[in-house]
């Protein structure tokens, strides 16, 4: 799998909008783990798509560029799924 480039980040931001696009350390800390103890994987970007169309566009883009996608729920799991 590949790392996300700056141009790819811009494409992702254009899909979800700047309000739902996060690249800050606080978001990485929050969304890089769930309730599992001592298990953290910092993401390269956090996005919060609002529609099925945005989700579809993101998944197509990530598939084309071989980028991992980890869907996330409430983050309350104990299996390290987040």
PDB file of N, CA and C in Angstrom:
ATOM      1  N   UNK A   1       0.829  -1.183   0.000  1.00  0.00           N
ATOM      2  CA  UNK A   1       0.000   0.000   0.000  1.00  0.00           C
ATOM      3  C   UNK A   1       0.879   1.254   0.000  1.00  0.00           C
ATOM      4  N   UNK A   2       0.302   2.351  -0.430  1.00  0.00           N
ATOM      5  CA  UNK A   2       1.056   3.583  -0.620  1.00  0.00           C
ATOM      6  C   UNK A   2       0.762   4.611   0.462  1.00  0.00           C
ATOM      7  N   UNK A   3       1.672   5.564   0.596  1.00  0.00           N
ATOM      8  CA  UNK A   3       1.449   6.719   1.443  1.00  0.00           C
ATOM      9  C   UNK A   3       0.632   7.746   0.672  1.00  0.00           C
ATOM     10  N   UNK A   4       0.002   8.613   1.395  1.00  0.00           N
ATOM     11  CA  UNK A   4      -0.819   9.649   0.782  1.00  0.00           C
ATOM     12  C   UNK A   4       0.060  10.853   0.434  1.00  0.00           C
ATOM     13  N   UNK A   5       0.008  11.268  -0.813  1.00  0.00           N
ATOM     14  CA  UNK A   5       0.787  12.423  -1.271  1.00  0.00           C
ATOM     15  C   UNK A   5       0.004  13.711  -1.009  1.00  0.00           C
ATOM     16  N   UNK A   6       0.691  14.836  -1.127  1.00  0.00           N
ATOM     17  CA  UNK A   6       0.028  16.128  -0.956  1.00  0.00           C
ATOM     18  C   UNK A   6      -1.082  16.339  -1.987  1.00  0.00           C
ATOM     19  N   UNK A   7      -0.835  15.923  -3.221  1.00  0.00           N
ATOM     20  CA  UNK A   7      -1.865  16.094  -4.253  1.00  0.00           C
ATOM     21  C   UNK A   7      -3.079  15.212  -3.960  1.00  0.00           C
ATOM     22  N   UNK A   8      -2.844  14.028  -3.418  1.00  0.00           N
ATOM     23  CA  UNK A   8      -3.945  13.146  -3.051  1.00  0.00           C
ATOM     24  C   UNK A   8      -4.731  13.720  -1.869  1.00  0.00           C
ATOM     25  N   UNK A   9      -4.035  14.331  -0.917  1.00  0.00           N
ATOM     26  CA  UNK A   9      -4.717  14.992   0.192  1.00  0.00           C
ATOM     27  C   UNK A   9      -5.657  16.082  -0.322  1.00  0.00           C
ATOM     28  N   UNK A  10      -5.197  16.822  -1.311  1.00  0.00           N
ATOM     29  CA  UNK A  10      -6.035  17.878  -1.888  1.00  0.00           C
ATOM     30  C   UNK A  10      -7.269  17.293  -2.570  1.00  0.00           C
ATOM     31  N   UNK A  11      -7.098  16.174  -3.251  1.00  0.00           N
ATOM     32  CA  UNK A  11      -8.241  15.510  -3.883  1.00  0.00           C
ATOM     33  C   UNK A  11      -9.246  15.037  -2.837  1.00  0.00           C
ATOM     34  N   UNK A  12      -8.734  14.469  -1.756  1.00  0.00           N
ATOM     35  CA  UNK A  12      -9.609  14.004  -0.682  1.00  0.00           C
ATOM     36  C   UNK A  12     -10.359  15.184  -0.075  1.00  0.00           C
ATOM     37  N   UNK A  13      -9.647  16.271   0.185  1.00  0.00           N
ATOM     38  CA  UNK A  13     -10.284  17.466   0.757  1.00  0.00           C
ATOM     39  C   UNK A  13     -11.352  18.010  -0.171  1.00  0.00           C
ATOM     40  N   UNK A  14     -11.124  17.941  -1.480  1.00  0.00           N
ATOM     41  CA  UNK A  14     -12.120  18.454  -2.431  1.00  0.00           C
ATOM     42  C   UNK A  14     -13.391  17.607  -2.425  1.00  0.00           C
ATOM     43  N   UNK A  15     -13.280  16.348  -2.031  1.00  0.00           N
ATOM     44  CA  UNK A  15     -14.460  15.476  -1.973  1.00  0.00           C
ATOM     45  C   UNK A  15     -15.306  15.782  -0.738  1.00  0.00           C
ATOM     46  N   UNK A  16     -14.675  15.907   0.422  1.00  0.00           N
ATOM     47  CA  UNK A  16     -15.444  16.062   1.669  1.00  0.00           C
ATOM     48  C   UNK A  16     -15.554  17.503   2.141  1.00  0.00           C
ATOM     49  N   UNK A  17     -14.707  18.382   1.641  1.00  0.00           N
ATOM     50  CA  UNK A  17     -14.700  19.770   2.093  1.00  0.00           C
ATOM     51  C   UNK A  17     -13.761  19.944   3.275  1.00  0.00           C
ATOM     52  N   UNK A  18     -13.219  21.138   3.427  1.00  0.00           N
ATOM     53  CA  UNK A  18     -12.214  21.422   4.456  1.00  0.00           C
ATOM     54  C   UNK A  18     -12.742  21.202   5.873  1.00  0.00           C
ATOM     55  N   UNK A  19     -14.036  21.413   6.091  1.00  0.00           N
ATOM     56  CA  UNK A  19     -14.620  21.255   7.428  1.00  0.00           C
ATOM     57  C   UNK A  19     -14.579  19.813   7.912  1.00  0.00           C
ATOM     58  N   UNK A  20     -14.568  18.852   6.996  1.00  0.00           N
ATOM     59  CA  UNK A  20     -14.628  17.435   7.338  1.00  0.00           C
ATOM     60  C   UNK A  20     -13.338  16.697   6.996  1.00  0.00           C
ATOM     61  N   UNK A  21     -12.242  17.437   6.952  1.00  0.00           N
ATOM     62  CA  UNK A  21     -10.924  16.939   6.569  1.00  0.00           C
ATOM     63  C   UNK A  21      -9.936  17.330   7.662  1.00  0.00           C
ATOM     64  N   UNK A  22      -9.206  16.346   8.237  1.00  0.00           N
ATOM     65  CA  UNK A  22      -8.351  16.627   9.381  1.00  0.00           C
ATOM     66  C   UNK A  22      -6.960  16.017   9.198  1.00  0.00           C
ATOM     67  N   UNK A  23      -5.927  16.829   9.438  1.00  0.00           N
ATOM     68  CA  UNK A  23      -4.549  16.347   9.368  1.00  0.00           C
ATOM     69  C   UNK A  23      -3.759  16.801  10.594  1.00  0.00           C
ATOM     70  N   UNK A  24      -4.453  17.125  11.665  1.00  0.00           N
ATOM     71  CA  UNK A  24      -3.790  17.611  12.873  1.00  0.00           C
ATOM     72  C   UNK A  24      -3.503  16.463  13.852  1.00  0.00           C
ATOM     73  N   UNK A  25      -2.514  16.655  14.699  1.00  0.00           N
ATOM     74  CA  UNK A  25      -2.086  15.622  15.648  1.00  0.00           C
ATOM     75  C   UNK A  25      -3.197  15.230  16.623  1.00  0.00           C
ATOM     76  N   UNK A  26      -4.020  16.166  17.031  1.00  0.00           N
ATOM     77  CA  UNK A  26      -5.118  15.859  17.956  1.00  0.00           C
ATOM     78  C   UNK A  26      -6.101  14.864  17.323  1.00  0.00           C
ATOM     79  N   UNK A  27      -6.438  15.076  16.066  1.00  0.00           N
ATOM     80  CA  UNK A  27      -7.328  14.148  15.360  1.00  0.00           C
ATOM     81  C   UNK A  27      -6.660  12.790  15.183  1.00  0.00           C
ATOM     82  N   UNK A  28      -5.372  12.787  14.865  1.00  0.00           N
ATOM     83  CA  UNK A  28      -4.659  11.522  14.704  1.00  0.00           C
ATOM     84  C   UNK A  28      -4.650  10.731  16.010  1.00  0.00           C
ATOM     85  N   UNK A  29      -4.465  11.423  17.130  1.00  0.00           N
ATOM     86  CA  UNK A  29      -4.476  10.752  18.432  1.00  0.00           C
ATOM     87  C   UNK A  29      -5.865  10.205  18.743  1.00  0.00           C
ATOM     88  N   UNK A  30      -6.879  10.999  18.465  1.00  0.00           N
ATOM     89  CA  UNK A  30      -8.259  10.603  18.765  1.00  0.00           C
ATOM     90  C   UNK A  30      -8.731   9.442  17.901  1.00  0.00           C
ATOM     91  N   UNK A  31      -8.450   9.492  16.611  1.00  0.00           N
ATOM     92  CA  UNK A  31      -8.976   8.507  15.677  1.00  0.00           C
ATOM     93  C   UNK A  31      -8.017   7.361  15.371  1.00  0.00           C
ATOM     94  N   UNK A  32      -6.851   7.349  16.000  1.00  0.00           N
ATOM     95  CA  UNK A  32      -5.873   6.292  15.772  1.00  0.00           C
ATOM     96  C   UNK A  32      -6.013   5.110  16.708  1.00  0.00           C
ATOM     97  N   UNK A  33      -7.048   5.146  17.553  1.00  0.00           N
ATOM     98  CA  UNK A  33      -7.235   4.036  18.489  1.00  0.00           C
ATOM     99  C   UNK A  33      -8.693   3.946  18.916  1.00  0.00           C
ATOM    100  N   UNK A  34      -9.005   2.842  19.569  1.00  0.00           N
ATOM    101  CA  UNK A  34     -10.319   2.703  20.199  1.00  0.00           C
ATOM    102  C   UNK A  34     -10.063   2.457  21.681  1.00  0.00           C
ATOM    103  N   UNK A  35     -10.918   1.743  22.363  1.00  0.00           N
ATOM    104  CA  UNK A  35     -10.748   1.511  23.795  1.00  0.00           C
ATOM    105  C   UNK A  35      -9.756   0.402  24.117  1.00  0.00           C
ATOM    106  N   UNK A  36      -9.128  -0.174  23.100  1.00  0.00           N
ATOM    107  CA  UNK A  36      -8.107  -1.186  23.314  1.00  0.00           C
ATOM    108  C   UNK A  36      -6.896  -0.537  23.985  1.00  0.00           C
ATOM    109  N   UNK A  37      -6.393  -1.160  25.039  1.00  0.00           N
ATOM    110  CA  UNK A  37      -5.251  -0.596  25.746  1.00  0.00           C
ATOM    111  C   UNK A  37      -3.975  -0.707  24.925  1.00  0.00           C
ATOM    112  N   UNK A  38      -3.178   0.336  24.969  1.00  0.00           N
ATOM    113  CA  UNK A  38      -1.829   0.360  24.400  1.00  0.00           C
ATOM    114  C   UNK A  38      -1.761  -0.026  22.924  1.00  0.00           C
ATOM    115  N   UNK A  39      -2.747   0.338  22.167  1.00  0.00           N
ATOM    116  CA  UNK A  39      -2.745   0.032  20.738  1.00  0.00           C
ATOM    117  C   UNK A  39      -3.144   1.300  19.984  1.00  0.00           C
ATOM    118  N   UNK A  40      -2.225   1.835  19.189  1.00  0.00           N
ATOM    119  CA  UNK A  40      -2.484   3.078  18.471  1.00  0.00           C
ATOM    120  C   UNK A  40      -1.803   3.032  17.111  1.00  0.00           C
ATOM    121  N   UNK A  41      -2.543   3.355  16.080  1.00  0.00           N
ATOM    122  CA  UNK A  41      -2.020   3.466  14.723  1.00  0.00           C
ATOM    123  C   UNK A  41      -2.457   4.808  14.163  1.00  0.00           C
ATOM    124  N   UNK A  42      -1.553   5.751  14.118  1.00  0.00           N
ATOM    125  CA  UNK A  42      -1.895   7.097  13.653  1.00  0.00           C
ATOM    126  C   UNK A  42      -2.261   7.073  12.173  1.00  0.00           C
ATOM    127  N   UNK A  43      -3.397   7.654  11.827  1.00  0.00           N
ATOM    128  CA  UNK A  43      -3.776   7.737  10.407  1.00  0.00           C
ATOM    129  C   UNK A  43      -2.963   8.811   9.694  1.00  0.00           C
ATOM    130  N   UNK A  44      -3.022   8.793   8.379  1.00  0.00           N
ATOM    131  CA  UNK A  44      -2.378   9.843   7.583  1.00  0.00           C
ATOM    132  C   UNK A  44      -3.332  11.001   7.346  1.00  0.00           C
ATOM    133  N   UNK A  45      -4.609  10.713   7.438  1.00  0.00           N
ATOM    134  CA  UNK A  45      -5.648  11.736   7.285  1.00  0.00           C
ATOM    135  C   UNK A  45      -6.924  11.184   7.922  1.00  0.00           C
ATOM    136  N   UNK A  46      -7.746  12.087   8.427  1.00  0.00           N
ATOM    137  CA  UNK A  46      -9.062  11.724   8.962  1.00  0.00           C
ATOM    138  C   UNK A  46     -10.094  12.491   8.159  1.00  0.00           C
ATOM    139  N   UNK A  47     -11.073  11.782   7.638  1.00  0.00           N
ATOM    140  CA  UNK A  47     -12.161  12.442   6.907  1.00  0.00           C
ATOM    141  C   UNK A  47     -13.490  11.957   7.454  1.00  0.00           C
ATOM    142  N   UNK A  48     -14.477  12.829   7.359  1.00  0.00           N
ATOM    143  CA  UNK A  48     -15.823  12.497   7.824  1.00  0.00           C
ATOM    144  C   UNK A  48     -16.821  12.737   6.688  1.00  0.00           C
ATOM    145  N   UNK A  49     -16.884  11.789   5.763  1.00  0.00           N
ATOM    146  CA  UNK A  49     -17.826  11.959   4.647  1.00  0.00           C
ATOM    147  C   UNK A  49     -19.257  11.970   5.162  1.00  0.00           C
ATOM    148  N   UNK A  50     -20.112  12.744   4.501  1.00  0.00           N
ATOM    149  CA  UNK A  50     -21.494  12.917   4.944  1.00  0.00           C
ATOM    150  C   UNK A  50     -22.510  12.198   4.085  1.00  0.00           C
ATOM    151  N   UNK A  51     -22.109  11.790   2.889  1.00  0.00           N
ATOM    152  CA  UNK A  51     -23.076  11.169   1.985  1.00  0.00           C
ATOM    153  C   UNK A  51     -22.502   9.890   1.391  1.00  0.00           C
ATOM    154  N   UNK A  52     -23.394   9.066   0.867  1.00  0.00           N
ATOM    155  CA  UNK A  52     -22.958   7.843   0.185  1.00  0.00           C
ATOM    156  C   UNK A  52     -22.103   8.192  -1.026  1.00  0.00           C
ATOM    157  N   UNK A  53     -22.406   9.277  -1.692  1.00  0.00           N
ATOM    158  CA  UNK A  53     -21.626   9.701  -2.851  1.00  0.00           C
ATOM    159  C   UNK A  53     -20.197  10.057  -2.452  1.00  0.00           C
ATOM    160  N   UNK A  54     -20.029  10.774  -1.336  1.00  0.00           N
ATOM    161  CA  UNK A  54     -18.679  11.098  -0.874  1.00  0.00           C
ATOM    162  C   UNK A  54     -17.909   9.835  -0.499  1.00  0.00           C
ATOM    163  N   UNK A  55     -18.572   8.919   0.183  1.00  0.00           N
ATOM    164  CA  UNK A  55     -17.928   7.651   0.550  1.00  0.00           C
ATOM    165  C   UNK A  55     -17.484   6.912  -0.702  1.00  0.00           C
ATOM    166  N   UNK A  56     -18.356   6.841  -1.686  1.00  0.00           N
ATOM    167  CA  UNK A  56     -18.037   6.154  -2.934  1.00  0.00           C
ATOM    168  C   UNK A  56     -16.835   6.791  -3.625  1.00  0.00           C
ATOM    169  N   UNK A  57     -16.825   8.110  -3.726  1.00  0.00           N
ATOM    170  CA  UNK A  57     -15.707   8.803  -4.368  1.00  0.00           C
ATOM    171  C   UNK A  57     -14.403   8.570  -3.626  1.00  0.00           C
ATOM    172  N   UNK A  58     -14.450   8.598  -2.290  1.00  0.00           N
ATOM    173  CA  UNK A  58     -13.252   8.365  -1.492  1.00  0.00           C
ATOM    174  C   UNK A  58     -12.713   6.952  -1.691  1.00  0.00           C
ATOM    175  N   UNK A  59     -13.613   5.973  -1.676  1.00  0.00           N
ATOM    176  CA  UNK A  59     -13.179   4.588  -1.836  1.00  0.00           C
ATOM    177  C   UNK A  59     -12.624   4.317  -3.231  1.00  0.00           C
ATOM    178  N   UNK A  60     -13.222   4.906  -4.233  1.00  0.00           N
ATOM    179  CA  UNK A  60     -12.697   4.770  -5.601  1.00  0.00           C
ATOM    180  C   UNK A  60     -11.298   5.377  -5.685  1.00  0.00           C
ATOM    181  N   UNK A  61     -11.137   6.586  -5.155  1.00  0.00           N
ATOM    182  CA  UNK A  61      -9.846   7.271  -5.175  1.00  0.00           C
ATOM    183  C   UNK A  61      -8.783   6.463  -4.427  1.00  0.00           C
ATOM    184  N   UNK A  62      -9.125   5.977  -3.242  1.00  0.00           N
ATOM    185  CA  UNK A  62      -8.161   5.204  -2.454  1.00  0.00           C
ATOM    186  C   UNK A  62      -7.825   3.873  -3.120  1.00  0.00           C
ATOM    187  N   UNK A  63      -8.801   3.256  -3.738  1.00  0.00           N
ATOM    188  CA  UNK A  63      -8.546   2.011  -4.456  1.00  0.00           C
ATOM    189  C   UNK A  63      -7.599   2.245  -5.636  1.00  0.00           C
ATOM    190  N   UNK A  64      -7.816   3.307  -6.366  1.00  0.00           N
ATOM    191  CA  UNK A  64      -6.956   3.624  -7.515  1.00  0.00           C
ATOM    192  C   UNK A  64      -5.504   3.851  -7.099  1.00  0.00           C
ATOM    193  N   UNK A  65      -5.307   4.408  -5.900  1.00  0.00           N
ATOM    194  CA  UNK A  65      -3.963   4.755  -5.427  1.00  0.00           C
ATOM    195  C   UNK A  65      -3.429   3.784  -4.374  1.00  0.00           C
ATOM    196  N   UNK A  66      -4.143   2.674  -4.180  1.00  0.00           N
ATOM    197  CA  UNK A  66      -3.737   1.645  -3.210  1.00  0.00           C
ATOM    198  C   UNK A  66      -3.505   2.224  -1.817  1.00  0.00           C
ATOM    199  N   UNK A  67      -4.481   2.966  -1.331  1.00  0.00           N
ATOM    200  CA  UNK A  67      -4.438   3.587  -0.010  1.00  0.00           C
ATOM    201  C   UNK A  67      -5.358   2.810   0.925  1.00  0.00           C
ATOM    202  N   UNK A  68      -4.846   2.447   2.100  1.00  0.00           N
ATOM    203  CA  UNK A  68      -5.663   1.767   3.100  1.00  0.00           C
ATOM    204  C   UNK A  68      -6.774   2.677   3.604  1.00  0.00           C
ATOM    205  N   UNK A  69      -7.928   2.092   3.857  1.00  0.00           N
ATOM    206  CA  UNK A  69      -9.059   2.818   4.438  1.00  0.00           C
ATOM    207  C   UNK A  69      -9.526   2.034   5.658  1.00  0.00           C
ATOM    208  N   UNK A  70      -9.681   2.722   6.775  1.00  0.00           N
ATOM    209  CA  UNK A  70     -10.206   2.091   7.980  1.00  0.00           C
ATOM    210  C   UNK A  70     -11.480   2.814   8.378  1.00  0.00           C
ATOM    211  N   UNK A  71     -12.645   2.202   8.130  1.00  0.00           N
ATOM    212  CA  UNK A  71     -13.893   2.820   8.581  1.00  0.00           C
ATOM    213  C   UNK A  71     -13.928   2.821  10.106  1.00  0.00           C
ATOM    214  N   UNK A  72     -14.575   3.793  10.685  1.00  0.00           N
ATOM    215  CA  UNK A  72     -14.613   3.901  12.137  1.00  0.00           C
ATOM    216  C   UNK A  72     -16.024   4.224  12.605  1.00  0.00           C
ATOM    217  N   UNK A  73     -16.402   3.574  13.676  1.00  0.00           N
ATOM    218  CA  UNK A  73     -17.682   3.858  14.337  1.00  0.00           C
ATOM    219  C   UNK A  73     -17.444   4.806  15.495  1.00  0.00           C
ATOM    220  N   UNK A  74     -17.956   4.437  16.648  1.00  0.00           N
ATOM    221  CA  UNK A  74     -17.871   5.292  17.828  1.00  0.00           C
ATOM    222  C   UNK A  74     -16.533   5.198  18.551  1.00  0.00           C
ATOM    223  N   UNK A  75     -15.703   4.198  18.212  1.00  0.00           N
ATOM    224  CA  UNK A  75     -14.402   4.062  18.860  1.00  0.00           C
ATOM    225  C   UNK A  75     -14.476   3.407  20.224  1.00  0.00           C
ATOM    226  N   UNK A  76     -15.555   2.694  20.495  1.00  0.00           N
ATOM    227  CA  UNK A  76     -15.727   2.062  21.802  1.00  0.00           C
ATOM    228  C   UNK A  76     -15.324   0.594  21.806  1.00  0.00           C
ATOM    229  N   UNK A  77     -14.890   0.070  20.671  1.00  0.00           N
ATOM    230  CA  UNK A  77     -14.528  -1.334  20.573  1.00  0.00           C
ATOM    231  C   UNK A  77     -13.300  -1.686  21.391  1.00  0.00           C
ATOM    232  N   UNK A  78     -13.156  -2.973  21.670  1.00  0.00           N
ATOM    233  CA  UNK A  78     -12.022  -3.459  22.459  1.00  0.00           C
ATOM    234  C   UNK A  78     -11.152  -4.418  21.658  1.00  0.00           C
ATOM    235  N   UNK A  79     -11.246  -4.360  20.331  1.00  0.00           N
ATOM    236  CA  UNK A  79     -10.502  -5.311  19.495  1.00  0.00           C
ATOM    237  C   UNK A  79      -9.450  -4.648  18.628  1.00  0.00           C
ATOM    238  N   UNK A  80      -9.250  -3.353  18.747  1.00  0.00           N
ATOM    239  CA  UNK A  80      -8.251  -2.656  17.941  1.00  0.00           C
ATOM    240  C   UNK A  80      -8.707  -2.361  16.528  1.00  0.00           C
ATOM    241  N   UNK A  81     -10.010  -2.427  16.282  1.00  0.00           N
ATOM    242  CA  UNK A  81     -10.545  -2.202  14.944  1.00  0.00           C
ATOM    243  C   UNK A  81     -10.420  -0.785  14.437  1.00  0.00           C
ATOM    244  N   UNK A  82     -10.308   0.167  15.347  1.00  0.00           N
ATOM    245  CA  UNK A  82     -10.196   1.562  14.922  1.00  0.00           C
ATOM    246  C   UNK A  82      -8.809   1.832  14.389  1.00  0.00           C
TER     247      UNK A  82
END
